[in-house]
Amino acid sequence: MSVIEKAVIDLANALDTLEAKIDGKFDDHAASSDEIVAARRQAQTARAHAETAAQGVGAAISDIKALLDNNPANGKG
């Protein structure tokens, strides 16, 4: 699996998990403060996963740019 594929999958999984947790906790509009704290903690975790995924995407883009810059077919290599 390429770096970009893994990064995108990681991001999607983190966001799906966050969405499911928030939907499950707040559908009844009677969430306790413990549930709210837990949802916030899960959101922070999802954000961290998203940041990691974004860094992976950035690294993949840099790799692709380097490959394109060094490709003899485009007159640059």
PDB file of N, CA and C in Angstrom:
ATOM      1  N   MET A   1       0.845  -1.168   0.000  1.00  0.00           N
ATOM      2  CA  MET A   1       0.000   0.000   0.000  1.00  0.00           C
ATOM      3  C   MET A   1       0.897   1.239   0.000  1.00  0.00           C
ATOM      4  N   SER A   2       0.544   2.199  -0.826  1.00  0.00           N
ATOM      5  CA  SER A   2       1.355   3.405  -0.912  1.00  0.00           C
ATOM      6  C   SER A   2       1.133   4.304   0.303  1.00  0.00           C
ATOM      7  N   VAL A   3       2.027   5.227   0.485  1.00  0.00           N
ATOM      8  CA  VAL A   3       1.934   6.161   1.605  1.00  0.00           C
ATOM      9  C   VAL A   3       0.636   6.967   1.519  1.00  0.00           C
ATOM     10  N   ILE A   4       0.310   7.423   0.336  1.00  0.00           N
ATOM     11  CA  ILE A   4      -0.886   8.245   0.182  1.00  0.00           C
ATOM     12  C   ILE A   4      -2.156   7.436   0.447  1.00  0.00           C
ATOM     13  N   GLU A   5      -2.194   6.193   0.009  1.00  0.00           N
ATOM     14  CA  GLU A   5      -3.354   5.344   0.266  1.00  0.00           C
ATOM     15  C   GLU A   5      -3.538   5.114   1.760  1.00  0.00           C
ATOM     16  N   LYS A   6      -2.447   4.819   2.453  1.00  0.00           N
ATOM     17  CA  LYS A   6      -2.531   4.594   3.896  1.00  0.00           C
ATOM     18  C   LYS A   6      -2.967   5.863   4.617  1.00  0.00           C
ATOM     19  N   ALA A   7      -2.444   6.997   4.206  1.00  0.00           N
ATOM     20  CA  ALA A   7      -2.807   8.255   4.841  1.00  0.00           C
ATOM     21  C   ALA A   7      -4.289   8.560   4.659  1.00  0.00           C
ATOM     22  N   VAL A   8      -4.792   8.342   3.477  1.00  0.00           N
ATOM     23  CA  VAL A   8      -6.205   8.607   3.213  1.00  0.00           C
ATOM     24  C   VAL A   8      -7.085   7.642   4.002  1.00  0.00           C
ATOM     25  N   ILE A   9      -6.702   6.389   4.065  1.00  0.00           N
ATOM     26  CA  ILE A   9      -7.463   5.399   4.838  1.00  0.00           C
ATOM     27  C   ILE A   9      -7.453   5.750   6.322  1.00  0.00           C
ATOM     28  N   ASP A  10      -6.292   6.141   6.837  1.00  0.00           N
ATOM     29  CA  ASP A  10      -6.202   6.537   8.245  1.00  0.00           C
ATOM     30  C   ASP A  10      -7.122   7.721   8.550  1.00  0.00           C
ATOM     31  N   LEU A  11      -7.120   8.692   7.674  1.00  0.00           N
ATOM     32  CA  LEU A  11      -7.969   9.865   7.865  1.00  0.00           C
ATOM     33  C   LEU A  11      -9.447   9.484   7.822  1.00  0.00           C
ATOM     34  N   ALA A  12      -9.824   8.704   6.840  1.00  0.00           N
ATOM     35  CA  ALA A  12     -11.221   8.290   6.716  1.00  0.00           C
ATOM     36  C   ALA A  12     -11.675   7.494   7.938  1.00  0.00           C
ATOM     37  N   ASN A  13     -10.839   6.582   8.400  1.00  0.00           N
ATOM     38  CA  ASN A  13     -11.195   5.780   9.580  1.00  0.00           C
ATOM     39  C   ASN A  13     -11.366   6.643  10.827  1.00  0.00           C
ATOM     40  N   ALA A  14     -10.461   7.572  11.014  1.00  0.00           N
ATOM     41  CA  ALA A  14     -10.542   8.444  12.183  1.00  0.00           C
ATOM     42  C   ALA A  14     -11.807   9.289  12.159  1.00  0.00           C
ATOM     43  N   LEU A  15     -12.125   9.820  11.004  1.00  0.00           N
ATOM     44  CA  LEU A  15     -13.312  10.660  10.906  1.00  0.00           C
ATOM     45  C   LEU A  15     -14.594   9.849  11.020  1.00  0.00           C
ATOM     46  N   ASP A  16     -14.613   8.655  10.458  1.00  0.00           N
ATOM     47  CA  ASP A  16     -15.776   7.772  10.600  1.00  0.00           C
ATOM     48  C   ASP A  16     -16.017   7.407  12.055  1.00  0.00           C
ATOM     49  N   THR A  17     -14.945   7.090  12.760  1.00  0.00           N
ATOM     50  CA  THR A  17     -15.062   6.747  14.173  1.00  0.00           C
ATOM     51  C   THR A  17     -15.603   7.924  14.969  1.00  0.00           C
ATOM     52  N   LEU A  18     -15.086   9.096  14.713  1.00  0.00           N
ATOM     53  CA  LEU A  18     -15.557  10.286  15.405  1.00  0.00           C
ATOM     54  C   LEU A  18     -17.035  10.526  15.141  1.00  0.00           C
ATOM     55  N   GLU A  19     -17.427  10.460  13.900  1.00  0.00           N
ATOM     56  CA  GLU A  19     -18.821  10.705  13.549  1.00  0.00           C
ATOM     57  C   GLU A  19     -19.756   9.699  14.235  1.00  0.00           C
ATOM     58  N   ALA A  20     -19.383   8.452  14.220  1.00  0.00           N
ATOM     59  CA  ALA A  20     -20.209   7.418  14.846  1.00  0.00           C
ATOM     60  C   ALA A  20     -20.334   7.648  16.346  1.00  0.00           C
ATOM     61  N   LYS A  21     -19.238   7.998  16.985  1.00  0.00           N
ATOM     62  CA  LYS A  21     -19.264   8.222  18.427  1.00  0.00           C
ATOM     63  C   LYS A  21     -20.142   9.433  18.776  1.00  0.00           C
ATOM     64  N   ILE A  22     -19.981  10.498  18.037  1.00  0.00           N
ATOM     65  CA  ILE A  22     -20.766  11.699  18.319  1.00  0.00           C
ATOM     66  C   ILE A  22     -22.246  11.433  18.067  1.00  0.00           C
ATOM     67  N   ASP A  23     -22.577  10.783  16.957  1.00  0.00           N
ATOM     68  CA  ASP A  23     -23.976  10.463  16.667  1.00  0.00           C
ATOM     69  C   ASP A  23     -24.583   9.615  17.774  1.00  0.00           C
ATOM     70  N   GLY A  24     -23.868   8.612  18.215  1.00  0.00           N
ATOM     71  CA  GLY A  24     -24.368   7.721  19.249  1.00  0.00           C
ATOM     72  C   GLY A  24     -24.543   8.403  20.592  1.00  0.00           C
ATOM     73  N   LYS A  25     -23.688   9.347  20.897  1.00  0.00           N
ATOM     74  CA  LYS A  25     -23.721   9.992  22.204  1.00  0.00           C
ATOM     75  C   LYS A  25     -24.778  11.086  22.305  1.00  0.00           C
ATOM     76  N   PHE A  26     -25.007  11.800  21.230  1.00  0.00           N
ATOM     77  CA  PHE A  26     -25.810  13.012  21.338  1.00  0.00           C
ATOM     78  C   PHE A  26     -27.168  12.941  20.655  1.00  0.00           C
ATOM     79  N   ASP A  27     -27.541  11.790  20.127  1.00  0.00           N
ATOM     80  CA  ASP A  27     -28.835  11.674  19.468  1.00  0.00           C
ATOM     81  C   ASP A  27     -29.991  11.961  20.413  1.00  0.00           C
ATOM     82  N   ASP A  28     -29.851  11.577  21.656  1.00  0.00           N
ATOM     83  CA  ASP A  28     -30.965  11.748  22.596  1.00  0.00           C
ATOM     84  C   ASP A  28     -30.957  13.115  23.293  1.00  0.00           C
ATOM     85  N   HIS A  29     -29.984  13.952  22.998  1.00  0.00           N
ATOM     86  CA  HIS A  29     -29.855  15.298  23.566  1.00  0.00           C
ATOM     87  C   HIS A  29     -29.801  15.288  25.101  1.00  0.00           C
ATOM     88  N   ALA A  30     -29.441  14.170  25.669  1.00  0.00           N
ATOM     89  CA  ALA A  30     -29.365  14.064  27.122  1.00  0.00           C
ATOM     90  C   ALA A  30     -28.021  13.490  27.546  1.00  0.00           C
ATOM     91  N   ALA A  31     -26.993  13.865  26.844  1.00  0.00           N
ATOM     92  CA  ALA A  31     -25.669  13.329  27.132  1.00  0.00           C
ATOM     93  C   ALA A  31     -25.163  13.864  28.464  1.00  0.00           C
ATOM     94  N   SER A  32     -24.539  13.001  29.226  1.00  0.00           N
ATOM     95  CA  SER A  32     -23.952  13.419  30.500  1.00  0.00           C
ATOM     96  C   SER A  32     -22.636  14.135  30.245  1.00  0.00           C
ATOM     97  N   SER A  33     -22.134  14.800  31.241  1.00  0.00           N
ATOM     98  CA  SER A  33     -20.855  15.495  31.079  1.00  0.00           C
ATOM     99  C   SER A  33     -19.729  14.494  30.815  1.00  0.00           C
ATOM    100  N   ASP A  34     -19.825  13.283  31.382  1.00  0.00           N
ATOM    101  CA  ASP A  34     -18.813  12.262  31.100  1.00  0.00           C
ATOM    102  C   ASP A  34     -18.815  11.882  29.626  1.00  0.00           C
ATOM    103  N   GLU A  35     -19.999  11.793  29.049  1.00  0.00           N
ATOM    104  CA  GLU A  35     -20.095  11.460  27.622  1.00  0.00           C
ATOM    105  C   GLU A  35     -19.523  12.579  26.765  1.00  0.00           C
ATOM    106  N   ILE A  36     -19.779  13.809  27.179  1.00  0.00           N
ATOM    107  CA  ILE A  36     -19.247  14.950  26.432  1.00  0.00           C
ATOM    108  C   ILE A  36     -17.726  14.965  26.510  1.00  0.00           C
ATOM    109  N   VAL A  37     -17.181  14.720  27.693  1.00  0.00           N
ATOM    110  CA  VAL A  37     -15.723  14.663  27.857  1.00  0.00           C
ATOM    111  C   VAL A  37     -15.148  13.548  26.993  1.00  0.00           C
ATOM    112  N   ALA A  38     -15.799  12.392  26.994  1.00  0.00           N
ATOM    113  CA  ALA A  38     -15.320  11.269  26.183  1.00  0.00           C
ATOM    114  C   ALA A  38     -15.370  11.615  24.696  1.00  0.00           C
ATOM    115  N   ALA A  39     -16.429  12.274  24.264  1.00  0.00           N
ATOM    116  CA  ALA A  39     -16.539  12.664  22.852  1.00  0.00           C
ATOM    117  C   ALA A  39     -15.445  13.652  22.475  1.00  0.00           C
ATOM    118  N   ARG A  40     -15.169  14.569  23.372  1.00  0.00           N
ATOM    119  CA  ARG A  40     -14.089  15.532  23.097  1.00  0.00           C
ATOM    120  C   ARG A  40     -12.741  14.824  22.994  1.00  0.00           C
ATOM    121  N   ARG A  41     -12.523  13.866  23.880  1.00  0.00           N
ATOM    122  CA  ARG A  41     -11.268  13.112  23.852  1.00  0.00           C
ATOM    123  C   ARG A  41     -11.160  12.331  22.535  1.00  0.00           C
ATOM    124  N   GLN A  42     -12.247  11.751  22.106  1.00  0.00           N
ATOM    125  CA  GLN A  42     -12.242  11.012  20.839  1.00  0.00           C
ATOM    126  C   GLN A  42     -12.019  11.964  19.661  1.00  0.00           C
ATOM    127  N   ALA A  43     -12.585  13.159  19.754  1.00  0.00           N
ATOM    128  CA  ALA A  43     -12.370  14.146  18.698  1.00  0.00           C
ATOM    129  C   ALA A  43     -10.899  14.545  18.627  1.00  0.00           C
ATOM    130  N   GLN A  44     -10.274  14.692  19.783  1.00  0.00           N
ATOM    131  CA  GLN A  44      -8.849  15.026  19.803  1.00  0.00           C
ATOM    132  C   GLN A  44      -8.020  13.903  19.185  1.00  0.00           C
ATOM    133  N   THR A  45      -8.398  12.669  19.482  1.00  0.00           N
ATOM    134  CA  THR A  45      -7.697  11.528  18.895  1.00  0.00           C
ATOM    135  C   THR A  45      -7.886  11.512  17.386  1.00  0.00           C
ATOM    136  N   ALA A  46      -9.106  11.754  16.943  1.00  0.00           N
ATOM    137  CA  ALA A  46      -9.373  11.787  15.503  1.00  0.00           C
ATOM    138  C   ALA A  46      -8.575  12.899  14.830  1.00  0.00           C
ATOM    139  N   ARG A  47      -8.488  14.040  15.498  1.00  0.00           N
ATOM    140  CA  ARG A  47      -7.713  15.145  14.947  1.00  0.00           C
ATOM    141  C   ARG A  47      -6.239  14.756  14.808  1.00  0.00           C
ATOM    142  N   ALA A  48      -5.722  14.071  15.820  1.00  0.00           N
ATOM    143  CA  ALA A  48      -4.323  13.626  15.762  1.00  0.00           C
ATOM    144  C   ALA A  48      -4.116  12.658  14.604  1.00  0.00           C
ATOM    145  N   HIS A  49      -5.072  11.749  14.407  1.00  0.00           N
ATOM    146  CA  HIS A  49      -4.965  10.825  13.272  1.00  0.00           C
ATOM    147  C   HIS A  49      -5.032  11.584  11.947  1.00  0.00           C
ATOM    148  N   ALA A  50      -5.892  12.576  11.887  1.00  0.00           N
ATOM    149  CA  ALA A  50      -6.018  13.374  10.667  1.00  0.00           C
ATOM    150  C   ALA A  50      -4.722  14.127  10.371  1.00  0.00           C
ATOM    151  N   GLU A  51      -4.103  14.658  11.418  1.00  0.00           N
ATOM    152  CA  GLU A  51      -2.835  15.363  11.232  1.00  0.00           C
ATOM    153  C   GLU A  51      -1.755  14.410  10.735  1.00  0.00           C
ATOM    154  N   THR A  52      -1.714  13.217  11.305  1.00  0.00           N
ATOM    155  CA  THR A  52      -0.743  12.213  10.864  1.00  0.00           C
ATOM    156  C   THR A  52      -0.990  11.840   9.410  1.00  0.00           C
ATOM    157  N   ALA A  53      -2.258  11.655   9.069  1.00  0.00           N
ATOM    158  CA  ALA A  53      -2.609  11.315   7.686  1.00  0.00           C
ATOM    159  C   ALA A  53      -2.228  12.448   6.742  1.00  0.00           C
ATOM    160  N   ALA A  54      -2.480  13.669   7.158  1.00  0.00           N
ATOM    161  CA  ALA A  54      -2.140  14.816   6.317  1.00  0.00           C
ATOM    162  C   ALA A  54      -0.636  14.898   6.088  1.00  0.00           C
ATOM    163  N   GLN A  55       0.135  14.593   7.117  1.00  0.00           N
ATOM    164  CA  GLN A  55       1.592  14.590   6.951  1.00  0.00           C
ATOM    165  C   GLN A  55       2.014  13.510   5.959  1.00  0.00           C
ATOM    166  N   GLY A  56       1.345  12.360   6.035  1.00  0.00           N
ATOM    167  CA  GLY A  56       1.633  11.292   5.082  1.00  0.00           C
ATOM    168  C   GLY A  56       1.306  11.701   3.663  1.00  0.00           C
ATOM    169  N   VAL A  57       0.180  12.385   3.494  1.00  0.00           N
ATOM    170  CA  VAL A  57      -0.200  12.869   2.164  1.00  0.00           C
ATOM    171  C   VAL A  57       0.823  13.891   1.680  1.00  0.00           C
ATOM    172  N   GLY A  58       1.243  14.770   2.565  1.00  0.00           N
ATOM    173  CA  GLY A  58       2.254  15.761   2.187  1.00  0.00           C
ATOM    174  C   GLY A  58       3.559  15.108   1.762  1.00  0.00           C
ATOM    175  N   ALA A  59       3.973  14.082   2.482  1.00  0.00           N
ATOM    176  CA  ALA A  59       5.201  13.368   2.122  1.00  0.00           C
ATOM    177  C   ALA A  59       5.042  12.678   0.770  1.00  0.00           C
ATOM    178  N   ALA A  60       3.875  12.098   0.537  1.00  0.00           N
ATOM    179  CA  ALA A  60       3.633  11.427  -0.748  1.00  0.00           C
ATOM    180  C   ALA A  60       3.659  12.428  -1.893  1.00  0.00           C
ATOM    181  N   ILE A  61       3.069  13.584  -1.677  1.00  0.00           N
ATOM    182  CA  ILE A  61       3.066  14.615  -2.714  1.00  0.00           C
ATOM    183  C   ILE A  61       4.490  15.077  -2.997  1.00  0.00           C
ATOM    184  N   SER A  62       5.273  15.249  -1.958  1.00  0.00           N
ATOM    185  CA  SER A  62       6.679  15.632  -2.158  1.00  0.00           C
ATOM    186  C   SER A  62       7.432  14.572  -2.950  1.00  0.00           C
ATOM    187  N   ASP A  63       7.173  13.309  -2.646  1.00  0.00           N
ATOM    188  CA  ASP A  63       7.815  12.220  -3.381  1.00  0.00           C
ATOM    189  C   ASP A  63       7.414  12.234  -4.848  1.00  0.00           C
ATOM    190  N   ILE A  64       6.136  12.460  -5.102  1.00  0.00           N
ATOM    191  CA  ILE A  64       5.659  12.496  -6.494  1.00  0.00           C
ATOM    192  C   ILE A  64       6.298  13.661  -7.245  1.00  0.00           C
ATOM    193  N   LYS A  65       6.367  14.824  -6.603  1.00  0.00           N
ATOM    194  CA  LYS A  65       6.997  15.985  -7.237  1.00  0.00           C
ATOM    195  C   LYS A  65       8.459  15.689  -7.566  1.00  0.00           C
ATOM    196  N   ALA A  66       9.158  15.050  -6.643  1.00  0.00           N
ATOM    197  CA  ALA A  66      10.568  14.718  -6.873  1.00  0.00           C
ATOM    198  C   ALA A  66      10.704  13.744  -8.039  1.00  0.00           C
ATOM    199  N   LEU A  67       9.819  12.761  -8.097  1.00  0.00           N
ATOM    200  CA  LEU A  67       9.856  11.811  -9.213  1.00  0.00           C
ATOM    201  C   LEU A  67       9.588  12.510 -10.539  1.00  0.00           C
ATOM    202  N   LEU A  68       8.615  13.407 -10.553  1.00  0.00           N
ATOM    203  CA  LEU A  68       8.295  14.137 -11.782  1.00  0.00           C
ATOM    204  C   LEU A  68       9.444  15.061 -12.200  1.00  0.00           C
ATOM    205  N   ASP A  69      10.069  15.696 -11.217  1.00  0.00           N
ATOM    206  CA  ASP A  69      11.189  16.591 -11.510  1.00  0.00           C
ATOM    207  C   ASP A  69      12.388  15.850 -12.079  1.00  0.00           C
ATOM    208  N   ASN A  70      12.528  14.586 -11.694  1.00  0.00           N
ATOM    209  CA  ASN A  70      13.668  13.786 -12.148  1.00  0.00           C
ATOM    210  C   ASN A  70      13.343  12.851 -13.310  1.00  0.00           C
ATOM    211  N   ASN A  71      12.165  13.004 -13.880  1.00  0.00           N
ATOM    212  CA  ASN A  71      11.733  12.123 -14.955  1.00  0.00           C
ATOM    213  C   ASN A  71      12.268  12.630 -16.298  1.00  0.00           C
ATOM    214  N   PRO A  72      13.102  11.810 -16.985  1.00  0.00           N
ATOM    215  CA  PRO A  72      13.647  12.234 -18.274  1.00  0.00           C
ATOM    216  C   PRO A  72      12.563  12.477 -19.331  1.00  0.00           C
ATOM    217  N   ALA A  73      11.434  11.846 -19.201  1.00  0.00           N
ATOM    218  CA  ALA A  73      10.363  11.994 -20.186  1.00  0.00           C
ATOM    219  C   ALA A  73       9.788  13.413 -20.218  1.00  0.00           C
ATOM    220  N   ASN A  74       9.879  14.123 -19.145  1.00  0.00           N
ATOM    221  CA  ASN A  74       9.340  15.489 -19.142  1.00  0.00           C
ATOM    222  C   ASN A  74      10.425  16.542 -19.368  1.00  0.00           C
ATOM    223  N   GLY A  75      11.613  16.100 -19.720  1.00  0.00           N
ATOM    224  CA  GLY A  75      12.698  17.005 -20.056  1.00  0.00           C
ATOM    225  C   GLY A  75      13.421  17.594 -18.864  1.00  0.00           C
ATOM    226  N   LYS A  76      13.140  17.095 -17.688  1.00  0.00           N
ATOM    227  CA  LYS A  76      13.777  17.649 -16.482  1.00  0.00           C
ATOM    228  C   LYS A  76      14.809  16.719 -15.863  1.00  0.00           C
ATOM    229  N   GLY A  77      14.808  15.453 -16.268  1.00  0.00           N
ATOM    230  CA  GLY A  77      15.660  14.496 -15.570  1.00  0.00           C
ATOM    231  C   GLY A  77      16.947  14.219 -16.164  1.00  0.00           C
TER     232      GLY A  77
END
